[in-house]
Amino acid sequence: MNDHVKLLEEFGPEYFSIEELWKMYGQWELKAKWFQMAEQTWLRMVMFFCAATSLFIVGIVLQVKLILVATGILAIGSLSAGIVAYLIANYLGGSKDRLRQIGRMIRICIEKKQAV
């Protein structure tokens, strides 16, 4: 899709048929949905990491080894999942603004093609 977006930015909607633009828009919607899911997962994992780290500190204070082991594993796991989700979000679009810009551009091109 990135190649098509570059062509669309460079040559405009005249380069594509209306069907190709709708297909591109569908791909964009899917990419935006995946980006949103990855971003939400990233935020949830950061919050979970903070909670697990807080419980880890409680385990240190209370000197309970079971809490230390369990929360240590949860903290490392949630941090790892969060990093993976963050990398996926960056791979998919880099930023929300860029994805929105691409979606707007494709919609505008579709409207121009339909008006002709």
PDB file of N, CA and C in Angstrom:
ATOM      1  N   MET A   1       0.817  -1.186   0.000  1.00  0.00           N
ATOM      2  CA  MET A   1       0.000   0.000   0.000  1.00  0.00           C
ATOM      3  C   MET A   1       0.862   1.251   0.000  1.00  0.00           C
ATOM      4  N   ASN A   2       2.016   1.216   0.650  1.00  0.00           N
ATOM      5  CA  ASN A   2       2.871   2.403   0.722  1.00  0.00           C
ATOM      6  C   ASN A   2       3.299   2.879  -0.660  1.00  0.00           C
ATOM      7  N   ASP A   3       3.570   1.933  -1.574  1.00  0.00           N
ATOM      8  CA  ASP A   3       3.941   2.317  -2.938  1.00  0.00           C
ATOM      9  C   ASP A   3       2.795   3.033  -3.642  1.00  0.00           C
ATOM     10  N   HIS A   4       1.577   2.523  -3.429  1.00  0.00           N
ATOM     11  CA  HIS A   4       0.404   3.155  -4.043  1.00  0.00           C
ATOM     12  C   HIS A   4       0.187   4.557  -3.480  1.00  0.00           C
ATOM     13  N   VAL A   5       0.409   4.713  -2.185  1.00  0.00           N
ATOM     14  CA  VAL A   5       0.236   6.032  -1.567  1.00  0.00           C
ATOM     15  C   VAL A   5       1.249   7.018  -2.147  1.00  0.00           C
ATOM     16  N   LYS A   6       2.483   6.560  -2.335  1.00  0.00           N
ATOM     17  CA  LYS A   6       3.503   7.438  -2.927  1.00  0.00           C
ATOM     18  C   LYS A   6       3.116   7.844  -4.348  1.00  0.00           C
ATOM     19  N   LEU A   7       2.606   6.881  -5.118  1.00  0.00           N
ATOM     20  CA  LEU A   7       2.150   7.189  -6.477  1.00  0.00           C
ATOM     21  C   LEU A   7       0.962   8.150  -6.452  1.00  0.00           C
ATOM     22  N   LEU A   8       0.071   7.940  -5.500  1.00  0.00           N
ATOM     23  CA  LEU A   8      -1.090   8.816  -5.380  1.00  0.00           C
ATOM     24  C   LEU A   8      -0.668  10.238  -5.021  1.00  0.00           C
ATOM     25  N   GLU A   9       0.282  10.367  -4.123  1.00  0.00           N
ATOM     26  CA  GLU A   9       0.777  11.691  -3.748  1.00  0.00           C
ATOM     27  C   GLU A   9       1.481  12.370  -4.918  1.00  0.00           C
ATOM     28  N   GLU A  10       2.202  11.568  -5.698  1.00  0.00           N
ATOM     29  CA  GLU A  10       2.994  12.135  -6.792  1.00  0.00           C
ATOM     30  C   GLU A  10       2.154  12.475  -8.018  1.00  0.00           C
ATOM     31  N   PHE A  11       1.262  11.558  -8.432  1.00  0.00           N
ATOM     32  CA  PHE A  11       0.536  11.727  -9.689  1.00  0.00           C
ATOM     33  C   PHE A  11      -0.926  12.137  -9.523  1.00  0.00           C
ATOM     34  N   GLY A  12      -1.479  11.959  -8.323  1.00  0.00           N
ATOM     35  CA  GLY A  12      -2.874  12.312  -8.102  1.00  0.00           C
ATOM     36  C   GLY A  12      -3.812  11.176  -8.481  1.00  0.00           C
ATOM     37  N   PRO A  13      -5.117  11.422  -8.388  1.00  0.00           N
ATOM     38  CA  PRO A  13      -6.106  10.363  -8.604  1.00  0.00           C
ATOM     39  C   PRO A  13      -6.218   9.911 -10.059  1.00  0.00           C
ATOM     40  N   GLU A  14      -5.693  10.690 -10.992  1.00  0.00           N
ATOM     41  CA  GLU A  14      -5.803  10.328 -12.402  1.00  0.00           C
ATOM     42  C   GLU A  14      -5.061   9.031 -12.720  1.00  0.00           C
ATOM     43  N   TYR A  15      -4.081   8.705 -11.928  1.00  0.00           N
ATOM     44  CA  TYR A  15      -3.250   7.532 -12.157  1.00  0.00           C
ATOM     45  C   TYR A  15      -3.996   6.232 -11.820  1.00  0.00           C
ATOM     46  N   PHE A  16      -5.030   6.316 -10.987  1.00  0.00           N
ATOM     47  CA  PHE A  16      -5.745   5.135 -10.499  1.00  0.00           C
ATOM     48  C   PHE A  16      -7.194   5.141 -10.965  1.00  0.00           C
ATOM     49  N   SER A  17      -7.752   3.947 -11.099  1.00  0.00           N
ATOM     50  CA  SER A  17      -9.182   3.831 -11.384  1.00  0.00           C
ATOM     51  C   SER A  17      -9.929   3.948 -10.050  1.00  0.00           C
ATOM     52  N   ILE A  18     -11.235   4.153 -10.138  1.00  0.00           N
ATOM     53  CA  ILE A  18     -12.056   4.278  -8.927  1.00  0.00           C
ATOM     54  C   ILE A  18     -12.021   2.985  -8.112  1.00  0.00           C
ATOM     55  N   GLU A  19     -11.972   1.835  -8.803  1.00  0.00           N
ATOM     56  CA  GLU A  19     -11.917   0.545  -8.110  1.00  0.00           C
ATOM     57  C   GLU A  19     -10.612   0.400  -7.330  1.00  0.00           C
ATOM     58  N   GLU A  20      -9.515   0.833  -7.941  1.00  0.00           N
ATOM     59  CA  GLU A  20      -8.221   0.764  -7.260  1.00  0.00           C
ATOM     60  C   GLU A  20      -8.199   1.686  -6.034  1.00  0.00           C
ATOM     61  N   LEU A  21      -8.821   2.847  -6.164  1.00  0.00           N
ATOM     62  CA  LEU A  21      -8.878   3.771  -5.034  1.00  0.00           C
ATOM     63  C   LEU A  21      -9.712   3.192  -3.891  1.00  0.00           C
ATOM     64  N   TRP A  22     -10.843   2.550  -4.228  1.00  0.00           N
ATOM     65  CA  TRP A  22     -11.658   1.925  -3.181  1.00  0.00           C
ATOM     66  C   TRP A  22     -10.912   0.779  -2.521  1.00  0.00           C
ATOM     67  N   LYS A  23     -10.176   0.017  -3.310  1.00  0.00           N
ATOM     68  CA  LYS A  23      -9.378  -1.080  -2.746  1.00  0.00           C
ATOM     69  C   LYS A  23      -8.305  -0.515  -1.813  1.00  0.00           C
ATOM     70  N   MET A  24      -7.665   0.567  -2.244  1.00  0.00           N
ATOM     71  CA  MET A  24      -6.645   1.213  -1.424  1.00  0.00           C
ATOM     72  C   MET A  24      -7.257   1.734  -0.119  1.00  0.00           C
ATOM     73  N   TYR A  25      -8.468   2.279  -0.216  1.00  0.00           N
ATOM     74  CA  TYR A  25      -9.149   2.784   0.970  1.00  0.00           C
ATOM     75  C   TYR A  25      -9.475   1.639   1.936  1.00  0.00           C
ATOM     76  N   GLY A  26      -9.882   0.507   1.396  1.00  0.00           N
ATOM     77  CA  GLY A  26     -10.144  -0.672   2.230  1.00  0.00           C
ATOM     78  C   GLY A  26      -8.890  -1.147   2.938  1.00  0.00           C
ATOM     79  N   GLN A  27      -7.773  -1.138   2.223  1.00  0.00           N
ATOM     80  CA  GLN A  27      -6.494  -1.513   2.832  1.00  0.00           C
ATOM     81  C   GLN A  27      -6.112  -0.521   3.924  1.00  0.00           C
ATOM     82  N   TRP A  28      -6.373   0.749   3.651  1.00  0.00           N
ATOM     83  CA  TRP A  28      -6.072   1.771   4.648  1.00  0.00           C
ATOM     84  C   TRP A  28      -6.911   1.566   5.909  1.00  0.00           C
ATOM     85  N   GLU A  29      -8.207   1.271   5.734  1.00  0.00           N
ATOM     86  CA  GLU A  29      -9.075   1.039   6.892  1.00  0.00           C
ATOM     87  C   GLU A  29      -8.569  -0.118   7.736  1.00  0.00           C
ATOM     88  N   LEU A  30      -8.154  -1.198   7.078  1.00  0.00           N
ATOM     89  CA  LEU A  30      -7.622  -2.357   7.797  1.00  0.00           C
ATOM     90  C   LEU A  30      -6.342  -1.982   8.546  1.00  0.00           C
ATOM     91  N   LYS A  31      -5.471  -1.251   7.877  1.00  0.00           N
ATOM     92  CA  LYS A  31      -4.216  -0.830   8.496  1.00  0.00           C
ATOM     93  C   LYS A  31      -4.480   0.089   9.686  1.00  0.00           C
ATOM     94  N   ALA A  32      -5.442   0.990   9.551  1.00  0.00           N
ATOM     95  CA  ALA A  32      -5.787   1.902  10.638  1.00  0.00           C
ATOM     96  C   ALA A  32      -6.359   1.131  11.832  1.00  0.00           C
ATOM     97  N   LYS A  33      -7.158   0.105  11.550  1.00  0.00           N
ATOM     98  CA  LYS A  33      -7.735  -0.709  12.622  1.00  0.00           C
ATOM     99  C   LYS A  33      -6.641  -1.462  13.370  1.00  0.00           C
ATOM    100  N   TRP A  34      -5.713  -2.055  12.644  1.00  0.00           N
ATOM    101  CA  TRP A  34      -4.601  -2.772  13.268  1.00  0.00           C
ATOM    102  C   TRP A  34      -3.723  -1.813  14.071  1.00  0.00           C
ATOM    103  N   PHE A  35      -3.513  -0.619  13.534  1.00  0.00           N
ATOM    104  CA  PHE A  35      -2.722   0.381  14.244  1.00  0.00           C
ATOM    105  C   PHE A  35      -3.385   0.735  15.571  1.00  0.00           C
ATOM    106  N   GLN A  36      -4.696   0.945  15.529  1.00  0.00           N
ATOM    107  CA  GLN A  36      -5.426   1.306  16.742  1.00  0.00           C
ATOM    108  C   GLN A  36      -5.350   0.177  17.774  1.00  0.00           C
ATOM    109  N   MET A  37      -5.503  -1.063  17.328  1.00  0.00           N
ATOM    110  CA  MET A  37      -5.416  -2.198  18.245  1.00  0.00           C
ATOM    111  C   MET A  37      -4.019  -2.304  18.860  1.00  0.00           C
ATOM    112  N   ALA A  38      -2.987  -2.111  18.059  1.00  0.00           N
ATOM    113  CA  ALA A  38      -1.621  -2.187  18.570  1.00  0.00           C
ATOM    114  C   ALA A  38      -1.356  -1.053  19.554  1.00  0.00           C
ATOM    115  N   GLU A  39      -1.857   0.124  19.239  1.00  0.00           N
ATOM    116  CA  GLU A  39      -1.655   1.267  20.128  1.00  0.00           C
ATOM    117  C   GLU A  39      -2.368   1.047  21.464  1.00  0.00           C
ATOM    118  N   GLN A  40      -3.588   0.532  21.433  1.00  0.00           N
ATOM    119  CA  GLN A  40      -4.316   0.250  22.665  1.00  0.00           C
ATOM    120  C   GLN A  40      -3.615  -0.828  23.481  1.00  0.00           C
ATOM    121  N   THR A  41      -3.112  -1.856  22.814  1.00  0.00           N
ATOM    122  CA  THR A  41      -2.384  -2.912  23.507  1.00  0.00           C
ATOM    123  C   THR A  41      -1.140  -2.343  24.164  1.00  0.00           C
ATOM    124  N   TRP A  42      -0.435  -1.484  23.456  1.00  0.00           N
ATOM    125  CA  TRP A  42       0.765  -0.842  24.000  1.00  0.00           C
ATOM    126  C   TRP A  42       0.429  -0.086  25.288  1.00  0.00           C
ATOM    127  N   LEU A  43      -0.626   0.705  25.251  1.00  0.00           N
ATOM    128  CA  LEU A  43      -1.009   1.485  26.427  1.00  0.00           C
ATOM    129  C   LEU A  43      -1.436   0.587  27.591  1.00  0.00           C
ATOM    130  N   ARG A  44      -2.182  -0.461  27.285  1.00  0.00           N
ATOM    131  CA  ARG A  44      -2.606  -1.387  28.341  1.00  0.00           C
ATOM    132  C   ARG A  44      -1.416  -2.106  28.966  1.00  0.00           C
ATOM    133  N   MET A  45      -0.463  -2.493  28.151  1.00  0.00           N
ATOM    134  CA  MET A  45       0.704  -3.190  28.678  1.00  0.00           C
ATOM    135  C   MET A  45       1.570  -2.268  29.543  1.00  0.00           C
ATOM    136  N   VAL A  46       1.639  -1.007  29.182  1.00  0.00           N
ATOM    137  CA  VAL A  46       2.377  -0.048  30.009  1.00  0.00           C
ATOM    138  C   VAL A  46       1.697   0.093  31.369  1.00  0.00           C
ATOM    139  N   MET A  47       0.364   0.196  31.362  1.00  0.00           N
ATOM    140  CA  MET A  47      -0.355   0.300  32.635  1.00  0.00           C
ATOM    141  C   MET A  47      -0.194  -0.977  33.462  1.00  0.00           C
ATOM    142  N   PHE A  48      -0.265  -2.122  32.801  1.00  0.00           N
ATOM    143  CA  PHE A  48      -0.097  -3.398  33.498  1.00  0.00           C
ATOM    144  C   PHE A  48       1.315  -3.513  34.057  1.00  0.00           C
ATOM    145  N   PHE A  49       2.309  -3.060  33.308  1.00  0.00           N
ATOM    146  CA  PHE A  49       3.692  -3.072  33.773  1.00  0.00           C
ATOM    147  C   PHE A  49       3.839  -2.219  35.031  1.00  0.00           C
ATOM    148  N   CYS A  50       3.211  -1.044  35.028  1.00  0.00           N
ATOM    149  CA  CYS A  50       3.282  -0.164  36.205  1.00  0.00           C
ATOM    150  C   CYS A  50       2.646  -0.835  37.422  1.00  0.00           C
ATOM    151  N   ALA A  51       1.504  -1.471  37.220  1.00  0.00           N
ATOM    152  CA  ALA A  51       0.837  -2.158  38.331  1.00  0.00           C
ATOM    153  C   ALA A  51       1.689  -3.322  38.847  1.00  0.00           C
ATOM    154  N   ALA A  52       2.245  -4.108  37.933  1.00  0.00           N
ATOM    155  CA  ALA A  52       3.084  -5.239  38.345  1.00  0.00           C
ATOM    156  C   ALA A  52       4.336  -4.759  39.064  1.00  0.00           C
ATOM    157  N   THR A  53       4.908  -3.675  38.603  1.00  0.00           N
ATOM    158  CA  THR A  53       6.093  -3.120  39.255  1.00  0.00           C
ATOM    159  C   THR A  53       5.749  -2.623  40.658  1.00  0.00           C
ATOM    160  N   SER A  54       4.581  -2.014  40.801  1.00  0.00           N
ATOM    161  CA  SER A  54       4.145  -1.567  42.129  1.00  0.00           C
ATOM    162  C   SER A  54       3.989  -2.754  43.073  1.00  0.00           C
ATOM    163  N   LEU A  55       3.376  -3.824  42.593  1.00  0.00           N
ATOM    164  CA  LEU A  55       3.239  -5.029  43.423  1.00  0.00           C
ATOM    165  C   LEU A  55       4.595  -5.652  43.718  1.00  0.00           C
ATOM    166  N   PHE A  56       5.517  -5.543  42.778  1.00  0.00           N
ATOM    167  CA  PHE A  56       6.870  -6.047  42.993  1.00  0.00           C
ATOM    168  C   PHE A  56       7.522  -5.303  44.156  1.00  0.00           C
ATOM    169  N   ILE A  57       7.328  -4.003  44.197  1.00  0.00           N
ATOM    170  CA  ILE A  57       7.889  -3.190  45.287  1.00  0.00           C
ATOM    171  C   ILE A  57       7.243  -3.580  46.617  1.00  0.00           C
ATOM    172  N   VAL A  58       5.939  -3.849  46.599  1.00  0.00           N
ATOM    173  CA  VAL A  58       5.253  -4.320  47.808  1.00  0.00           C
ATOM    174  C   VAL A  58       5.857  -5.648  48.252  1.00  0.00           C
ATOM    175  N   GLY A  59       6.148  -6.518  47.306  1.00  0.00           N
ATOM    176  CA  GLY A  59       6.772  -7.800  47.631  1.00  0.00           C
ATOM    177  C   GLY A  59       8.145  -7.630  48.253  1.00  0.00           C
ATOM    178  N   ILE A  60       8.897  -6.640  47.783  1.00  0.00           N
ATOM    179  CA  ILE A  60      10.213  -6.364  48.368  1.00  0.00           C
ATOM    180  C   ILE A  60      10.049  -5.889  49.811  1.00  0.00           C
ATOM    181  N   VAL A  61       9.112  -4.969  50.019  1.00  0.00           N
ATOM    182  CA  VAL A  61       8.894  -4.424  51.359  1.00  0.00           C
ATOM    183  C   VAL A  61       8.427  -5.514  52.318  1.00  0.00           C
ATOM    184  N   LEU A  62       7.482  -6.343  51.867  1.00  0.00           N
ATOM    185  CA  LEU A  62       6.948  -7.407  52.725  1.00  0.00           C
ATOM    186  C   LEU A  62       7.828  -8.648  52.739  1.00  0.00           C
ATOM    187  N   GLN A  63       8.790  -8.708  51.881  1.00  0.00           N
ATOM    188  CA  GLN A  63       9.717  -9.838  51.744  1.00  0.00           C
ATOM    189  C   GLN A  63       8.981 -11.160  51.502  1.00  0.00           C
ATOM    190  N   VAL A  64       8.056 -11.116  50.545  1.00  0.00           N
ATOM    191  CA  VAL A  64       7.303 -12.314  50.165  1.00  0.00           C
ATOM    192  C   VAL A  64       7.821 -12.747  48.792  1.00  0.00           C
ATOM    193  N   LYS A  65       8.504 -13.877  48.774  1.00  0.00           N
ATOM    194  CA  LYS A  65       9.146 -14.329  47.535  1.00  0.00           C
ATOM    195  C   LYS A  65       8.142 -14.688  46.439  1.00  0.00           C
ATOM    196  N   LEU A  66       6.991 -15.211  46.806  1.00  0.00           N
ATOM    197  CA  LEU A  66       5.986 -15.579  45.807  1.00  0.00           C
ATOM    198  C   LEU A  66       5.510 -14.341  45.045  1.00  0.00           C
ATOM    199  N   ILE A  67       5.276 -13.240  45.767  1.00  0.00           N
ATOM    200  CA  ILE A  67       4.870 -11.990  45.111  1.00  0.00           C
ATOM    201  C   ILE A  67       5.990 -11.487  44.212  1.00  0.00           C
ATOM    202  N   LEU A  68       7.221 -11.588  44.683  1.00  0.00           N
ATOM    203  CA  LEU A  68       8.362 -11.128  43.885  1.00  0.00           C
ATOM    204  C   LEU A  68       8.470 -11.888  42.568  1.00  0.00           C
ATOM    205  N   VAL A  69       8.382 -13.203  42.649  1.00  0.00           N
ATOM    206  CA  VAL A  69       8.513 -14.020  41.434  1.00  0.00           C
ATOM    207  C   VAL A  69       7.346 -13.761  40.478  1.00  0.00           C
ATOM    208  N   ALA A  70       6.128 -13.803  41.001  1.00  0.00           N
ATOM    209  CA  ALA A  70       4.945 -13.641  40.146  1.00  0.00           C
ATOM    210  C   ALA A  70       4.916 -12.263  39.491  1.00  0.00           C
ATOM    211  N   THR A  71       5.117 -11.218  40.279  1.00  0.00           N
ATOM    212  CA  THR A  71       5.055  -9.873  39.708  1.00  0.00           C
ATOM    213  C   THR A  71       6.260  -9.577  38.825  1.00  0.00           C
ATOM    214  N   GLY A  72       7.390 -10.157  39.133  1.00  0.00           N
ATOM    215  CA  GLY A  72       8.561  -9.986  38.260  1.00  0.00           C
ATOM    216  C   GLY A  72       8.302 -10.572  36.883  1.00  0.00           C
ATOM    217  N   ILE A  73       7.724 -11.770  36.855  1.00  0.00           N
ATOM    218  CA  ILE A  73       7.399 -12.411  35.576  1.00  0.00           C
ATOM    219  C   ILE A  73       6.332 -11.611  34.832  1.00  0.00           C
ATOM    220  N   LEU A  74       5.290 -11.159  35.555  1.00  0.00           N
ATOM    221  CA  LEU A  74       4.241 -10.357  34.918  1.00  0.00           C
ATOM    222  C   LEU A  74       4.783  -9.039  34.370  1.00  0.00           C
ATOM    223  N   ALA A  75       5.682  -8.409  35.116  1.00  0.00           N
ATOM    224  CA  ALA A  75       6.246  -7.137  34.662  1.00  0.00           C
ATOM    225  C   ALA A  75       7.071  -7.328  33.395  1.00  0.00           C
ATOM    226  N   ILE A  76       7.898  -8.348  33.382  1.00  0.00           N
ATOM    227  CA  ILE A  76       8.734  -8.608  32.202  1.00  0.00           C
ATOM    228  C   ILE A  76       7.862  -9.003  31.008  1.00  0.00           C
ATOM    229  N   GLY A  77       6.859  -9.842  31.252  1.00  0.00           N
ATOM    230  CA  GLY A  77       5.960 -10.261  30.167  1.00  0.00           C
ATOM    231  C   GLY A  77       5.166  -9.109  29.593  1.00  0.00           C
ATOM    232  N   SER A  78       4.627  -8.270  30.464  1.00  0.00           N
ATOM    233  CA  SER A  78       3.827  -7.143  29.966  1.00  0.00           C
ATOM    234  C   SER A  78       4.702  -6.123  29.252  1.00  0.00           C
ATOM    235  N   LEU A  79       5.902  -5.915  29.744  1.00  0.00           N
ATOM    236  CA  LEU A  79       6.814  -4.989  29.060  1.00  0.00           C
ATOM    237  C   LEU A  79       7.180  -5.521  27.678  1.00  0.00           C
ATOM    238  N   SER A  80       7.437  -6.819  27.591  1.00  0.00           N
ATOM    239  CA  SER A  80       7.770  -7.426  26.298  1.00  0.00           C
ATOM    240  C   SER A  80       6.601  -7.319  25.313  1.00  0.00           C
ATOM    241  N   ALA A  81       5.400  -7.634  25.782  1.00  0.00           N
ATOM    242  CA  ALA A  81       4.216  -7.532  24.917  1.00  0.00           C
ATOM    243  C   ALA A  81       3.982  -6.086  24.500  1.00  0.00           C
ATOM    244  N   GLY A  82       4.197  -5.161  25.407  1.00  0.00           N
ATOM    245  CA  GLY A  82       4.043  -3.750  25.087  1.00  0.00           C
ATOM    246  C   GLY A  82       5.018  -3.282  24.033  1.00  0.00           C
ATOM    247  N   ILE A  83       6.251  -3.736  24.136  1.00  0.00           N
ATOM    248  CA  ILE A  83       7.271  -3.359  23.147  1.00  0.00           C
ATOM    249  C   ILE A  83       6.911  -3.925  21.776  1.00  0.00           C
ATOM    250  N   VAL A  84       6.459  -5.164  21.739  1.00  0.00           N
ATOM    251  CA  VAL A  84       6.048  -5.771  20.467  1.00  0.00           C
ATOM    252  C   VAL A  84       4.882  -4.988  19.858  1.00  0.00           C
ATOM    253  N   ALA A  85       3.894  -4.631  20.679  1.00  0.00           N
ATOM    254  CA  ALA A  85       2.750  -3.863  20.181  1.00  0.00           C
ATOM    255  C   ALA A  85       3.193  -2.494  19.676  1.00  0.00           C
ATOM    256  N   TYR A  86       4.114  -1.863  20.372  1.00  0.00           N
ATOM    257  CA  TYR A  86       4.631  -0.560  19.948  1.00  0.00           C
ATOM    258  C   TYR A  86       5.345  -0.674  18.599  1.00  0.00           C
ATOM    259  N   LEU A  87       6.143  -1.710  18.442  1.00  0.00           N
ATOM    260  CA  LEU A  87       6.854  -1.914  17.176  1.00  0.00           C
ATOM    261  C   LEU A  87       5.876  -2.186  16.032  1.00  0.00           C
ATOM    262  N   ILE A  88       4.829  -2.941  16.305  1.00  0.00           N
ATOM    263  CA  ILE A  88       3.810  -3.209  15.282  1.00  0.00           C
ATOM    264  C   ILE A  88       3.122  -1.916  14.875  1.00  0.00           C
ATOM    265  N   ALA A  89       2.766  -1.091  15.861  1.00  0.00           N
ATOM    266  CA  ALA A  89       2.107   0.187  15.561  1.00  0.00           C
ATOM    267  C   ALA A  89       3.011   1.069  14.710  1.00  0.00           C
ATOM    268  N   ASN A  90       4.283   1.125  15.047  1.00  0.00           N
ATOM    269  CA  ASN A  90       5.216   1.937  14.260  1.00  0.00           C
ATOM    270  C   ASN A  90       5.399   1.381  12.859  1.00  0.00           C
ATOM    271  N   TYR A  91       5.431   0.066  12.726  1.00  0.00           N
ATOM    272  CA  TYR A  91       5.575  -0.555  11.409  1.00  0.00           C
ATOM    273  C   TYR A  91       4.353  -0.264  10.543  1.00  0.00           C
ATOM    274  N   LEU A  92       3.171  -0.272  11.157  1.00  0.00           N
ATOM    275  CA  LEU A  92       1.942  -0.090  10.404  1.00  0.00           C
ATOM    276  C   LEU A  92       1.730   1.329   9.905  1.00  0.00           C
ATOM    277  N   GLY A  93       2.162   2.301  10.646  1.00  0.00           N
ATOM    278  CA  GLY A  93       1.849   3.648  10.184  1.00  0.00           C
ATOM    279  C   GLY A  93       2.738   4.731  10.739  1.00  0.00           C
ATOM    280  N   GLY A  94       3.442   4.427  11.776  1.00  0.00           N
ATOM    281  CA  GLY A  94       4.309   5.434  12.362  1.00  0.00           C
ATOM    282  C   GLY A  94       3.580   6.372  13.289  1.00  0.00           C
ATOM    283  N   SER A  95       2.505   6.966  12.821  1.00  0.00           N
ATOM    284  CA  SER A  95       1.761   7.880  13.681  1.00  0.00           C
ATOM    285  C   SER A  95       0.304   7.932  13.252  1.00  0.00           C
ATOM    286  N   LYS A  96      -0.527   8.316  14.209  1.00  0.00           N
ATOM    287  CA  LYS A  96      -1.949   8.462  13.934  1.00  0.00           C
ATOM    288  C   LYS A  96      -2.197   9.548  12.897  1.00  0.00           C
ATOM    289  N   ASP A  97      -1.455  10.635  13.027  1.00  0.00           N
ATOM    290  CA  ASP A  97      -1.638  11.763  12.105  1.00  0.00           C
ATOM    291  C   ASP A  97      -1.349  11.365  10.663  1.00  0.00           C
ATOM    292  N   ARG A  98      -0.286  10.601  10.454  1.00  0.00           N
ATOM    293  CA  ARG A  98       0.064  10.177   9.095  1.00  0.00           C
ATOM    294  C   ARG A  98      -1.020   9.262   8.526  1.00  0.00           C
ATOM    295  N   LEU A  99      -1.515   8.341   9.341  1.00  0.00           N
ATOM    296  CA  LEU A  99      -2.586   7.462   8.875  1.00  0.00           C
ATOM    297  C   LEU A  99      -3.846   8.253   8.531  1.00  0.00           C
ATOM    298  N   ARG A 100      -4.202   9.213   9.371  1.00  0.00           N
ATOM    299  CA  ARG A 100      -5.372  10.050   9.088  1.00  0.00           C
ATOM    300  C   ARG A 100      -5.178  10.832   7.790  1.00  0.00           C
ATOM    301  N   GLN A 101      -3.979  11.356   7.603  1.00  0.00           N
ATOM    302  CA  GLN A 101      -3.672  12.125   6.400  1.00  0.00           C
ATOM    303  C   GLN A 101      -3.839  11.261   5.152  1.00  0.00           C
ATOM    304  N   ILE A 102      -3.344  10.045   5.207  1.00  0.00           N
ATOM    305  CA  ILE A 102      -3.462   9.129   4.069  1.00  0.00           C
ATOM    306  C   ILE A 102      -4.933   8.807   3.793  1.00  0.00           C
ATOM    307  N   GLY A 103      -5.703   8.524   4.852  1.00  0.00           N
ATOM    308  CA  GLY A 103      -7.123   8.229   4.688  1.00  0.00           C
ATOM    309  C   GLY A 103      -7.883   9.395   4.072  1.00  0.00           C
ATOM    310  N   ARG A 104      -7.594  10.618   4.543  1.00  0.00           N
ATOM    311  CA  ARG A 104      -8.228  11.807   3.983  1.00  0.00           C
ATOM    312  C   ARG A 104      -7.880  11.978   2.510  1.00  0.00           C
ATOM    313  N   MET A 105      -6.611  11.767   2.196  1.00  0.00           N
ATOM    314  CA  MET A 105      -6.155  11.935   0.820  1.00  0.00           C
ATOM    315  C   MET A 105      -6.861  10.948  -0.106  1.00  0.00           C
ATOM    316  N   ILE A 106      -6.979   9.699   0.322  1.00  0.00           N
ATOM    317  CA  ILE A 106      -7.644   8.688  -0.504  1.00  0.00           C
ATOM    318  C   ILE A 106      -9.122   9.035  -0.673  1.00  0.00           C
ATOM    319  N   ARG A 107      -9.792   9.454   0.408  1.00  0.00           N
ATOM    320  CA  ARG A 107     -11.215   9.842   0.304  1.00  0.00           C
ATOM    321  C   ARG A 107     -11.405  11.011  -0.650  1.00  0.00           C
ATOM    322  N   ILE A 108     -10.533  12.003  -0.573  1.00  0.00           N
ATOM    323  CA  ILE A 108     -10.620  13.159  -1.465  1.00  0.00           C
ATOM    324  C   ILE A 108     -10.449  12.729  -2.922  1.00  0.00           C
ATOM    325  N   CYS A 109      -9.492  11.829  -3.152  1.00  0.00           N
ATOM    326  CA  CYS A 109      -9.280  11.329  -4.514  1.00  0.00           C
ATOM    327  C   CYS A 109     -10.483  10.565  -5.027  1.00  0.00           C
ATOM    328  N   ILE A 110     -11.105   9.769  -4.153  1.00  0.00           N
ATOM    329  CA  ILE A 110     -12.318   9.033  -4.546  1.00  0.00           C
ATOM    330  C   ILE A 110     -13.429  10.019  -4.897  1.00  0.00           C
ATOM    331  N   GLU A 111     -13.580  11.058  -4.088  1.00  0.00           N
ATOM    332  CA  GLU A 111     -14.622  12.061  -4.365  1.00  0.00           C
ATOM    333  C   GLU A 111     -14.352  12.769  -5.688  1.00  0.00           C
ATOM    334  N   LYS A 112     -13.088  13.070  -5.971  1.00  0.00           N
ATOM    335  CA  LYS A 112     -12.751  13.715  -7.248  1.00  0.00           C
ATOM    336  C   LYS A 112     -13.098  12.799  -8.422  1.00  0.00           C
ATOM    337  N   LYS A 113     -12.786  11.519  -8.284  1.00  0.00           N
ATOM    338  CA  LYS A 113     -13.065  10.558  -9.368  1.00  0.00           C
ATOM    339  C   LYS A 113     -14.562  10.389  -9.574  1.00  0.00           C
ATOM    340  N   GLN A 114     -15.319  10.368  -8.472  1.00  0.00           N
ATOM    341  CA  GLN A 114     -16.767  10.204  -8.599  1.00  0.00           C
ATOM    342  C   GLN A 114     -17.424  11.441  -9.179  1.00  0.00           C
ATOM    343  N   ALA A 115     -16.836  12.601  -8.940  1.00  0.00           N
ATOM    344  CA  ALA A 115     -17.408  13.850  -9.451  1.00  0.00           C
ATOM    345  C   ALA A 115     -17.239  13.975 -10.965  1.00  0.00           C
ATOM    346  N   VAL A 116     -16.250  13.279 -11.499  1.00  0.00           N
ATOM    347  CA  VAL A 116     -15.975  13.386 -12.941  1.00  0.00           C
ATOM    348  C   VAL A 116     -16.912  12.559 -13.748  1.00  0.00           C
TER     349      VAL A 116
END
